[in-house]
């Protein structure tokens, strides 16, 4: 196989997936409205993920806290990706707690926790969502592969209908970038 055939396959998979994302509009609208209401009331967004999904969580948070396409006020968005906090929690309590401990420290009622997990099965994401719910934090799952263990658990679920980790992560970016476009338009 050549790179040309690999590229064609990736493009074909993407072209088949993208139209299906339109079905997630109601959940994306709900997340947008929840975030805008929260920010107007002094609340914050916490985001988390593992590996490539951690990079997506960081990317999403910086688009909101710094800038996306226009200059607007900074929005409270924090990626739970502090290496010191993560390694401390992992060492002292186990890897399953690397995000839940941060949610326990930072999450307040009315905040939003968005987790990125392509499988929906990452135990540390499940623990973070459980910790958020216990604190009155609204939960959102950017999920794939049917939603996994988090299906039916998060308050807002954006389940990408794919089994391909790469396509799911690409779809998550499209979804959160669309959200950022909307937010840019609605925040001064």
Protein backbone atom coordinates (compact mmCIF):
# COMPACT_ATOMS: atom_id res chain seq x y z
CA UNK A 1 0.00 0.00 0.00
CA UNK A 2 1.10 3.54 -0.68
CA UNK A 3 0.60 6.74 1.27
CA UNK A 4 -1.85 7.74 -1.46
CA UNK A 5 -4.10 4.76 -0.67
CA UNK A 6 -3.81 5.43 3.08
CA UNK A 7 -4.76 9.07 2.51
CA UNK A 8 -7.69 8.08 0.31
CA UNK A 9 -8.93 5.66 2.97
CA UNK A 10 -8.67 8.32 5.70
CA UNK A 11 -10.50 10.84 3.53
CA UNK A 12 -13.21 8.33 2.62
CA UNK A 13 -13.74 7.41 6.30
CA UNK A 14 -13.93 11.09 7.23
CA UNK A 15 -16.38 11.89 4.42
CA UNK A 16 -18.65 9.09 5.63
CA UNK A 17 -18.47 10.21 9.27
CA UNK A 18 -18.81 13.98 9.06
CA UNK A 19 -22.48 14.11 7.93
CA UNK A 20 -23.44 11.92 10.89
CA UNK A 21 -22.10 14.57 13.29
CA UNK A 22 -25.04 16.82 12.44
CA UNK A 23 -27.14 14.51 14.64
CA UNK A 24 -25.16 15.80 17.63
CA UNK A 25 -26.37 19.39 17.17
CA UNK A 26 -28.91 19.29 20.04
CA UNK A 27 -26.25 18.12 22.50
CA UNK A 28 -23.73 20.66 21.17
CA UNK A 29 -26.31 23.44 21.54
CA UNK A 30 -27.05 22.31 25.09
CA UNK A 31 -23.34 22.36 25.95
CA UNK A 32 -22.91 25.82 24.41
CA UNK A 33 -25.86 27.25 26.34
CA UNK A 34 -24.72 25.57 29.57
CA UNK A 35 -21.21 27.01 29.22
CA UNK A 36 -22.41 30.53 28.35
CA UNK A 37 -24.82 30.54 31.30
CA UNK A 38 -22.11 29.22 33.60
CA UNK A 39 -19.53 31.80 32.55
CA UNK A 40 -22.08 34.59 33.04
CA UNK A 41 -22.48 33.30 36.61
CA UNK A 42 -18.76 33.03 37.40
CA UNK A 43 -18.47 29.29 36.73
CA UNK A 44 -15.69 27.44 34.90
CA UNK A 45 -15.06 24.61 32.49
CA UNK A 46 -12.71 21.80 33.48
CA UNK A 47 -11.48 19.48 30.70
CA UNK A 48 -9.62 16.19 30.80
CA UNK A 49 -8.42 13.37 28.59
CA UNK A 50 -5.68 10.76 28.21
CA UNK A 51 -2.97 10.77 25.55
CA UNK A 52 -4.18 12.37 22.33
CA UNK A 53 -7.44 13.21 24.07
CA UNK A 54 -5.41 15.06 26.72
CA UNK A 55 -3.92 17.14 23.91
CA UNK A 56 -7.46 17.81 22.67
CA UNK A 57 -8.55 18.85 26.17
CA UNK A 58 -5.62 21.27 26.42
CA UNK A 59 -6.37 22.61 22.93
CA UNK A 60 -10.05 23.16 23.77
CA UNK A 61 -9.26 24.94 27.04
CA UNK A 62 -6.76 27.32 25.47
CA UNK A 63 -9.17 28.21 22.63
CA UNK A 64 -11.57 29.41 25.32
CA UNK A 65 -9.27 30.87 27.96
CA UNK A 66 -7.04 32.72 25.50
CA UNK A 67 -8.47 33.16 22.01
CA UNK A 68 -10.11 31.27 19.16
CA UNK A 69 -10.82 33.41 16.07
CA UNK A 70 -11.47 36.83 17.58
CA UNK A 71 -10.40 38.87 20.53
CA UNK A 72 -13.00 38.55 23.28
CA UNK A 73 -12.93 38.31 27.02
CA UNK A 74 -11.04 35.36 28.45
CA UNK A 75 -13.27 32.50 29.57
CA UNK A 76 -12.61 30.28 32.58
CA UNK A 77 -11.47 26.97 31.07
CA UNK A 78 -8.86 24.76 32.71
CA UNK A 79 -7.30 21.62 31.31
CA UNK A 80 -6.62 19.13 34.10
CA UNK A 81 -3.21 18.37 32.62
CA UNK A 82 -0.81 19.65 35.25
CA UNK A 83 1.99 17.07 35.20
CA UNK A 84 2.83 17.60 38.87
CA UNK A 85 -0.76 17.10 40.04
CA UNK A 86 -1.24 14.11 37.74
CA UNK A 87 1.95 12.32 38.75
CA UNK A 88 1.37 13.05 42.43
CA UNK A 89 -2.16 11.65 42.31
CA UNK A 90 -0.97 8.70 40.24
CA UNK A 91 1.85 7.94 42.64
CA UNK A 92 -0.07 8.48 45.87
CA UNK A 93 -3.54 7.21 44.94
CA UNK A 94 -3.25 5.39 41.58
CA UNK A 95 -3.70 6.40 37.95
CA UNK A 96 -7.48 6.11 38.18
CA UNK A 97 -7.49 9.23 40.40
CA UNK A 98 -5.33 11.61 38.33
CA UNK A 99 -8.38 13.64 37.25
CA UNK A 100 -10.89 12.94 40.02
CA UNK A 101 -8.56 14.43 42.64
CA UNK A 102 -8.31 17.62 40.60
CA UNK A 103 -12.09 17.71 40.16
CA UNK A 104 -12.45 17.33 43.95
CA UNK A 105 -10.08 20.28 44.43
CA UNK A 106 -11.42 22.60 41.74
CA UNK A 107 -15.00 21.62 40.87
CA UNK A 108 -17.84 23.69 42.25
CA UNK A 109 -21.60 23.30 41.75
CA UNK A 110 -22.57 24.69 38.35
CA UNK A 111 -19.12 24.24 36.80
CA UNK A 112 -18.81 21.95 33.79
CA UNK A 113 -16.46 19.01 33.38
CA UNK A 114 -15.86 17.87 29.80
CA UNK A 115 -14.02 14.58 29.38
CA UNK A 116 -12.50 13.39 26.12
CA UNK A 117 -12.32 9.62 25.76
CA UNK A 118 -12.62 7.81 22.46
CA UNK A 119 -13.74 4.59 24.14
CA UNK A 120 -15.72 5.97 27.06
CA UNK A 121 -14.09 3.25 29.16
CA UNK A 122 -11.06 4.98 30.70
CA UNK A 123 -11.41 4.37 34.42
CA UNK A 124 -9.84 7.72 35.31
CA UNK A 125 -12.47 9.48 33.15
CA UNK A 126 -15.26 7.49 34.82
CA UNK A 127 -13.83 8.44 38.25
CA UNK A 128 -13.59 12.12 37.22
CA UNK A 129 -17.23 12.12 36.11
CA UNK A 130 -18.27 10.43 39.36
CA UNK A 131 -16.34 13.03 41.38
CA UNK A 132 -17.93 15.83 39.36
CA UNK A 133 -21.44 14.53 39.89
CA UNK A 134 -20.81 14.24 43.64
CA UNK A 135 -19.86 17.94 43.67
CA UNK A 136 -22.79 19.21 41.56
CA UNK A 137 -20.62 19.75 38.48
CA UNK A 138 -22.37 19.36 35.12
CA UNK A 139 -20.72 16.61 33.07
CA UNK A 140 -20.11 16.33 29.34
CA UNK A 141 -18.56 13.39 27.53
CA UNK A 142 -16.84 13.73 24.17
CA UNK A 143 -17.04 10.01 23.43
CA UNK A 144 -16.83 7.43 20.66
CA UNK A 145 -17.17 3.68 20.10
CA UNK A 146 -20.74 3.66 21.38
CA UNK A 147 -19.95 5.65 24.52
CA UNK A 148 -18.55 2.79 26.59
CA UNK A 149 -19.00 2.88 30.37
CA UNK A 150 -19.81 6.60 30.25
CA UNK A 151 -22.82 6.19 27.98
CA UNK A 152 -25.87 7.29 29.94
CA UNK A 153 -23.71 8.70 32.76
CA UNK A 154 -22.79 12.20 31.55
CA UNK A 155 -25.37 14.99 31.57
CA UNK A 156 -24.43 15.87 27.98
CA UNK A 157 -23.05 13.20 25.64
CA UNK A 158 -21.39 13.80 22.28
CA UNK A 159 -20.91 10.24 21.06
CA UNK A 160 -19.12 10.13 17.71
CA UNK A 161 -20.51 7.16 15.73
CA UNK A 162 -17.19 5.55 14.87
CA UNK A 163 -14.87 2.83 16.10
CA UNK A 164 -11.73 4.49 14.72
CA UNK A 165 -9.77 6.35 17.39
CA UNK A 166 -8.27 8.71 14.80
CA UNK A 167 -11.65 9.57 13.25
CA UNK A 168 -13.22 10.04 16.69
CA UNK A 169 -10.47 12.46 17.75
CA UNK A 170 -10.82 14.37 14.48
CA UNK A 171 -14.58 14.57 15.02
CA UNK A 172 -14.09 15.79 18.58
CA UNK A 173 -11.95 18.64 17.20
CA UNK A 174 -14.63 19.54 14.67
CA UNK A 175 -17.23 19.58 17.45
CA UNK A 176 -15.25 21.69 19.88
CA UNK A 177 -14.08 24.08 17.15
CA UNK A 178 -17.74 24.52 16.12
CA UNK A 179 -18.55 25.23 19.75
CA UNK A 180 -15.77 27.84 19.83
CA UNK A 181 -17.18 29.56 16.71
CA UNK A 182 -20.56 29.82 18.44
CA UNK A 183 -19.03 31.05 21.69
CA UNK A 184 -16.92 33.66 19.89
CA UNK A 185 -20.13 35.00 18.33
CA UNK A 186 -21.97 35.16 21.67
CA UNK A 187 -19.29 36.55 23.99
CA UNK A 188 -18.11 40.17 23.88
